[in-house]
């Protein structure tokens, strides 16, 4: 079986979450949030600015995302 290629940023995120002893399901959710954010800004989350994060949070609120989801996304970022 071949291992799927993982970007350096994703590998670092997973390592950091492992160090913090986050549950595997929480890790999956964090990776999902970061991917959704990167899709929103149209580039790697690593290259995002604080203003990008703010715009993303405003967008999440504008589409009716729950406070819990917005907070989880902010924690992931």
C-alpha atoms as a PDB file:
ATOM      1  CA  UNK A   1       0.000   0.000   0.000  1.00  0.00           C
ATOM      2  CA  UNK A   2       1.370   3.429  -0.904  1.00  0.00           C
ATOM      3  CA  UNK A   3       1.180   6.305   1.500  1.00  0.00           C
ATOM      4  CA  UNK A   4      -0.813   9.321   0.305  1.00  0.00           C
ATOM      5  CA  UNK A   5       1.355  12.420  -0.128  1.00  0.00           C
ATOM      6  CA  UNK A   6       0.908  14.858   2.752  1.00  0.00           C
ATOM      7  CA  UNK A   7       1.885  18.516   2.507  1.00  0.00           C
ATOM      8  CA  UNK A   8       4.437  19.800   5.017  1.00  0.00           C
ATOM      9  CA  UNK A   9       1.773  22.071   6.539  1.00  0.00           C
ATOM     10  CA  UNK A  10      -0.684  19.205   7.048  1.00  0.00           C
ATOM     11  CA  UNK A  11       2.065  17.009   8.509  1.00  0.00           C
ATOM     12  CA  UNK A  12       3.003  19.801  10.941  1.00  0.00           C
ATOM     13  CA  UNK A  13      -0.651  20.312  11.912  1.00  0.00           C
ATOM     14  CA  UNK A  14      -1.087  16.589  12.598  1.00  0.00           C
ATOM     15  CA  UNK A  15       2.155  16.463  14.612  1.00  0.00           C
ATOM     16  CA  UNK A  16       1.104  19.475  16.681  1.00  0.00           C
ATOM     17  CA  UNK A  17      -2.308  17.961  17.375  1.00  0.00           C
ATOM     18  CA  UNK A  18      -0.685  14.657  18.357  1.00  0.00           C
ATOM     19  CA  UNK A  19       1.600  16.465  20.800  1.00  0.00           C
ATOM     20  CA  UNK A  20      -1.499  18.116  22.307  1.00  0.00           C
ATOM     21  CA  UNK A  21      -3.075  14.624  22.531  1.00  0.00           C
ATOM     22  CA  UNK A  22      -6.174  15.602  20.582  1.00  0.00           C
ATOM     23  CA  UNK A  23      -8.557  12.769  19.819  1.00  0.00           C
ATOM     24  CA  UNK A  24      -8.255  11.383  16.261  1.00  0.00           C
ATOM     25  CA  UNK A  25     -11.796  12.564  15.469  1.00  0.00           C
ATOM     26  CA  UNK A  26     -10.912  16.073  16.636  1.00  0.00           C
ATOM     27  CA  UNK A  27      -7.814  15.933  14.443  1.00  0.00           C
ATOM     28  CA  UNK A  28      -9.951  14.989  11.435  1.00  0.00           C
ATOM     29  CA  UNK A  29     -12.282  17.911  12.127  1.00  0.00           C
ATOM     30  CA  UNK A  30      -9.389  20.359  12.468  1.00  0.00           C
ATOM     31  CA  UNK A  31      -7.875  19.201   9.166  1.00  0.00           C
ATOM     32  CA  UNK A  32     -11.309  19.595   7.552  1.00  0.00           C
ATOM     33  CA  UNK A  33     -11.642  23.142   8.913  1.00  0.00           C
ATOM     34  CA  UNK A  34      -8.191  24.134   7.664  1.00  0.00           C
ATOM     35  CA  UNK A  35      -8.930  22.686   4.213  1.00  0.00           C
ATOM     36  CA  UNK A  36     -12.239  24.561   4.039  1.00  0.00           C
ATOM     37  CA  UNK A  37     -10.446  27.776   5.027  1.00  0.00           C
ATOM     38  CA  UNK A  38      -7.722  27.244   2.396  1.00  0.00           C
ATOM     39  CA  UNK A  39     -10.417  26.679  -0.218  1.00  0.00           C
ATOM     40  CA  UNK A  40     -12.070  29.932   0.878  1.00  0.00           C
ATOM     41  CA  UNK A  41      -8.910  32.037   0.583  1.00  0.00           C
ATOM     42  CA  UNK A  42      -7.777  30.262  -2.576  1.00  0.00           C
ATOM     43  CA  UNK A  43      -4.288  29.442  -1.369  1.00  0.00           C
ATOM     44  CA  UNK A  44      -2.441  27.558   1.340  1.00  0.00           C
ATOM     45  CA  UNK A  45      -3.582  28.337   4.869  1.00  0.00           C
ATOM     46  CA  UNK A  46       0.108  28.862   5.616  1.00  0.00           C
ATOM     47  CA  UNK A  47       0.058  31.993   3.438  1.00  0.00           C
ATOM     48  CA  UNK A  48      -3.138  33.428   4.902  1.00  0.00           C
ATOM     49  CA  UNK A  49      -3.183  36.773   6.649  1.00  0.00           C
ATOM     50  CA  UNK A  50      -5.044  37.758   9.812  1.00  0.00           C
ATOM     51  CA  UNK A  51      -7.453  39.658   7.543  1.00  0.00           C
ATOM     52  CA  UNK A  52      -8.143  36.400   5.630  1.00  0.00           C
ATOM     53  CA  UNK A  53      -9.079  34.716   8.910  1.00  0.00           C
ATOM     54  CA  UNK A  54     -11.382  37.599   9.801  1.00  0.00           C
ATOM     55  CA  UNK A  55     -13.061  37.546   6.365  1.00  0.00           C
ATOM     56  CA  UNK A  56     -13.567  33.789   6.720  1.00  0.00           C
ATOM     57  CA  UNK A  57     -15.181  34.194  10.131  1.00  0.00           C
ATOM     58  CA  UNK A  58     -17.473  36.948   8.801  1.00  0.00           C
ATOM     59  CA  UNK A  59     -18.408  34.706   5.874  1.00  0.00           C
ATOM     60  CA  UNK A  60     -19.157  31.778   8.193  1.00  0.00           C
ATOM     61  CA  UNK A  61     -21.421  34.013  10.284  1.00  0.00           C
ATOM     62  CA  UNK A  62     -23.160  35.352   7.162  1.00  0.00           C
ATOM     63  CA  UNK A  63     -24.133  31.868   5.996  1.00  0.00           C
ATOM     64  CA  UNK A  64     -25.616  31.014   9.385  1.00  0.00           C
ATOM     65  CA  UNK A  65     -22.858  28.775  10.708  1.00  0.00           C
ATOM     66  CA  UNK A  66     -23.306  27.921  14.366  1.00  0.00           C
ATOM     67  CA  UNK A  67     -21.140  29.600  16.975  1.00  0.00           C
ATOM     68  CA  UNK A  68     -19.643  26.231  17.899  1.00  0.00           C
ATOM     69  CA  UNK A  69     -18.548  25.588  14.327  1.00  0.00           C
ATOM     70  CA  UNK A  70     -17.050  29.074  13.994  1.00  0.00           C
ATOM     71  CA  UNK A  71     -15.159  28.564  17.258  1.00  0.00           C
ATOM     72  CA  UNK A  72     -13.922  25.112  16.214  1.00  0.00           C
ATOM     73  CA  UNK A  73     -12.728  26.574  12.919  1.00  0.00           C
ATOM     74  CA  UNK A  74     -10.921  29.383  14.721  1.00  0.00           C
ATOM     75  CA  UNK A  75      -9.266  26.869  17.030  1.00  0.00           C
ATOM     76  CA  UNK A  76      -8.109  24.832  14.066  1.00  0.00           C
ATOM     77  CA  UNK A  77      -6.609  27.873  12.394  1.00  0.00           C
END
